Protein backbone atom coordinates (compact mmCIF):
# COMPACT_ATOMS: atom_id res chain seq x y z
CA MET A 1 5.74 -53.60 -119.43
CA THR A 2 4.07 -52.58 -116.22
CA PHE A 3 5.92 -51.79 -113.05
CA LEU A 4 4.51 -54.91 -111.39
CA ALA A 5 5.81 -57.10 -114.26
CA ILE A 6 9.23 -55.45 -114.03
CA SER A 7 9.28 -56.05 -110.24
CA MET A 8 8.23 -59.68 -110.39
CA ARG A 9 10.63 -60.23 -113.40
CA THR A 10 13.42 -58.97 -111.26
CA LEU A 11 12.47 -60.85 -108.14
CA LEU A 12 12.10 -64.21 -109.90
CA GLY A 13 15.11 -63.76 -112.14
CA VAL A 14 17.36 -62.86 -109.20
CA VAL A 15 16.02 -65.67 -106.99
CA PHE A 16 16.43 -68.30 -109.82
CA ALA A 17 19.94 -66.91 -110.76
CA LEU A 18 21.12 -67.09 -107.12
CA ALA A 19 19.67 -70.71 -106.79
CA LEU A 20 21.29 -71.74 -109.96
CA GLY A 21 24.66 -70.04 -109.12
CA GLY A 22 24.61 -71.70 -105.70
CA LYS A 23 24.14 -75.15 -107.11
CA LEU A 24 26.74 -74.68 -109.89
CA ARG A 25 29.40 -72.67 -107.96
CA SER A 26 31.41 -75.87 -107.33
CA ARG A 27 31.27 -79.56 -107.94
CA ARG A 28 30.81 -80.12 -104.20
CA SER A 29 27.71 -77.76 -104.28
CA PHE A 30 26.13 -79.58 -107.14
CA ALA A 31 26.99 -82.95 -105.62
CA ASP A 32 25.31 -81.90 -102.37
CA PHE A 33 22.28 -80.51 -104.25
CA ALA A 34 21.97 -83.94 -106.15
CA ALA A 35 22.32 -85.89 -102.88
CA SER A 36 19.50 -83.88 -101.30
CA LEU A 37 17.20 -84.91 -104.26
CA ARG A 38 18.09 -88.61 -103.75
CA GLU A 39 16.35 -88.19 -100.26
CA ILE A 40 13.06 -87.87 -102.22
CA ARG A 41 12.03 -91.49 -101.83
CA TRP A 42 8.71 -91.28 -103.76
CA LEU A 43 10.45 -90.21 -106.95
CA PRO A 44 11.37 -93.25 -109.02
CA GLY A 45 15.11 -94.06 -109.29
CA PRO A 46 15.63 -92.87 -112.85
CA ALA A 47 13.80 -89.61 -112.32
CA ARG A 48 15.72 -89.12 -109.05
CA ALA A 49 18.96 -89.49 -110.94
CA ALA A 50 17.85 -87.09 -113.74
CA ALA A 51 16.26 -84.41 -111.34
CA PRO A 52 19.39 -82.44 -110.54
CA ILE A 53 20.17 -81.80 -114.10
CA GLY A 54 16.59 -81.12 -114.88
CA VAL A 55 16.24 -78.58 -112.07
CA VAL A 56 19.33 -76.65 -113.03
CA ALA A 57 18.24 -76.70 -116.76
CA VAL A 58 14.81 -75.40 -115.93
CA GLU A 59 16.20 -72.71 -113.71
CA ALA A 60 18.57 -71.70 -116.40
CA VAL A 61 15.85 -71.63 -119.07
CA SER A 62 13.57 -69.60 -116.67
CA ILE A 63 16.27 -66.99 -116.18
CA VAL A 64 16.79 -66.60 -119.95
CA LEU A 65 13.13 -66.38 -120.67
CA LEU A 66 12.67 -63.68 -117.98
CA ALA A 67 15.60 -61.73 -119.32
CA VAL A 68 14.54 -61.56 -122.90
CA PRO A 69 11.62 -59.02 -123.35
CA ALA A 70 9.89 -60.93 -126.02
CA THR A 71 9.84 -64.18 -123.99
CA VAL A 72 8.89 -62.69 -120.50
CA PRO A 73 5.42 -64.16 -120.37
CA PHE A 74 6.84 -67.67 -121.08
CA GLY A 75 9.41 -67.07 -118.44
CA PHE A 76 6.69 -66.24 -115.93
CA ALA A 77 4.73 -69.35 -117.07
CA LEU A 78 7.68 -71.73 -116.80
CA THR A 79 8.64 -70.22 -113.41
CA LEU A 80 5.07 -70.76 -112.14
CA LEU A 81 5.00 -74.41 -113.35
CA THR A 82 8.54 -74.95 -111.81
CA LEU A 83 7.43 -73.60 -108.50
CA ALA A 84 4.31 -75.69 -108.50
CA VAL A 85 6.38 -78.75 -109.06
CA PHE A 86 8.80 -77.79 -106.30
CA THR A 87 5.97 -76.98 -103.93
CA ALA A 88 4.14 -80.24 -104.60
CA SER A 89 7.34 -82.18 -104.24
CA VAL A 90 8.21 -80.66 -100.86
CA GLY A 91 4.62 -80.97 -99.67
CA TRP A 92 4.38 -84.61 -100.75
CA SER A 93 7.69 -85.50 -99.13
CA LEU A 94 6.52 -83.75 -95.89
CA ARG A 95 3.30 -85.68 -95.98
CA ARG A 96 5.12 -88.95 -96.36
CA GLY A 97 7.39 -87.96 -93.40
CA GLU A 98 10.52 -87.71 -95.45
CA ARG A 99 13.24 -85.28 -94.18
CA VAL A 100 14.69 -83.87 -97.33
CA ARG A 101 17.49 -81.36 -96.91
CA CYS A 102 16.94 -77.91 -98.52
CA GLN A 103 19.86 -77.23 -100.99
CA CYS A 104 17.82 -74.70 -102.86
CA PHE A 105 20.48 -72.16 -102.89
CA GLY A 106 23.46 -74.40 -102.98
CA THR A 107 24.00 -74.60 -99.27
CA ASP A 108 22.42 -76.86 -96.58
CA GLY A 109 19.39 -74.99 -95.40
CA GLY A 110 18.44 -77.80 -93.03
CA PRO A 111 15.38 -80.09 -93.54
CA MET A 112 12.59 -78.67 -95.60
CA GLY A 113 9.41 -77.85 -93.87
CA THR A 114 6.34 -75.58 -94.06
CA TRP A 115 8.62 -72.42 -94.42
CA GLU A 116 9.93 -73.82 -97.77
CA VAL A 117 6.45 -74.49 -98.92
CA ALA A 118 5.34 -70.97 -97.86
CA ARG A 119 8.38 -69.47 -99.72
CA ASN A 120 7.43 -71.31 -102.87
CA CYS A 121 3.89 -70.17 -102.60
CA VAL A 122 4.99 -66.58 -102.21
CA LEU A 123 7.21 -67.00 -105.32
CA SER A 124 4.26 -68.52 -107.07
CA VAL A 125 2.11 -65.67 -106.36
CA ALA A 126 4.84 -63.47 -107.74
CA ALA A 127 5.11 -65.48 -111.01
CA ALA A 128 1.26 -65.57 -111.43
CA ALA A 129 1.11 -61.66 -110.88
CA GLY A 130 4.01 -61.21 -113.24
CA LEU A 131 2.28 -63.39 -115.84
CA LEU A 132 -0.99 -61.52 -115.63
CA ALA A 133 0.85 -58.22 -115.74
CA SER A 134 2.83 -59.13 -118.73
CA ALA A 135 -0.24 -60.48 -120.45
CA ALA A 136 -1.53 -56.91 -120.45
CA GLY A 137 1.09 -56.23 -123.13
CA PRO A 138 3.94 -53.81 -123.34
CA ALA A 139 3.44 -50.49 -121.81
CA ALA A 140 5.75 -47.57 -121.79
CA ALA A 141 7.31 -47.38 -118.42
CA ALA A 142 9.14 -44.33 -117.16
CA PRO A 143 12.79 -45.08 -116.57
CA ALA A 144 12.77 -43.94 -112.96
CA GLY A 145 9.65 -45.99 -112.12
CA SER A 146 11.13 -49.02 -113.91
CA ALA A 147 14.37 -48.62 -111.77
CA VAL A 148 12.31 -48.36 -108.61
CA ALA A 149 10.25 -51.50 -109.61
CA ALA A 150 13.54 -53.41 -110.25
CA ALA A 151 15.05 -52.38 -107.05
CA GLY A 152 11.87 -53.49 -105.21
CA GLY A 153 12.07 -56.82 -106.92
CA ALA A 154 15.78 -57.19 -105.99
CA LEU A 155 15.10 -56.33 -102.42
CA ALA A 156 12.25 -58.86 -102.28
CA ALA A 157 14.60 -61.45 -103.85
CA ALA A 158 17.13 -60.79 -101.10
CA MET A 159 14.57 -61.49 -98.46
CA ILE A 160 13.42 -64.70 -100.22
CA VAL A 161 16.92 -65.93 -100.44
CA ARG A 162 17.61 -65.17 -96.79
CA TRP A 163 14.24 -66.99 -95.94
CA ASP A 164 16.08 -69.38 -93.56
CA ASP A 165 17.50 -66.51 -91.65
CA LEU A 166 14.01 -64.84 -91.29
CA ARG A 167 12.50 -68.22 -90.23
CA TYR A 168 15.14 -68.45 -87.52
CA VAL A 169 14.41 -64.94 -86.28
CA PHE A 170 10.64 -65.56 -86.22
CA SER A 171 10.65 -69.17 -84.98
CA SER A 172 10.33 -70.16 -81.32
CA PRO A 173 13.36 -72.10 -80.15
CA THR A 174 11.10 -74.92 -78.97
CA THR A 175 9.13 -75.32 -82.20
CA GLY A 176 11.90 -75.18 -84.86
CA ARG A 177 10.52 -75.74 -88.35
């Protein structure tokens, strides 16, 4: 596996693991996450009710697929598809003027906006890059290089998870989201 694939695998695995852990850390966290999805008015009622379980299930499966070497390409593909659905959902809600709360990591990140779309696009690029890199087939990777690649992915994951803090730092107080 190439260093790029290792880095993207770590990035996406950590982001999805933290998102899943945040949603499942308590009943309240999961209930708040489920309530945020009920704000998506364009989603039909039964789908809206099933969405919280579906999201955590897909996140969990993505983590497992990214963790098991033989299934890494499938993990990247599922992650890319999941991020495409997330991005389209947020974009469609924004277009309709809906103010959906971001509970992506189990805490209230405020109303979703273009920053969340941008975050999902960055993660989608990472998933696509990882998929392409893993499609090249397994390659012997030096342990030190693999460790650096994984550390880089973990650092990028920390930045993505703290995206709202970065948004706050770089946003004008008058423009907000």
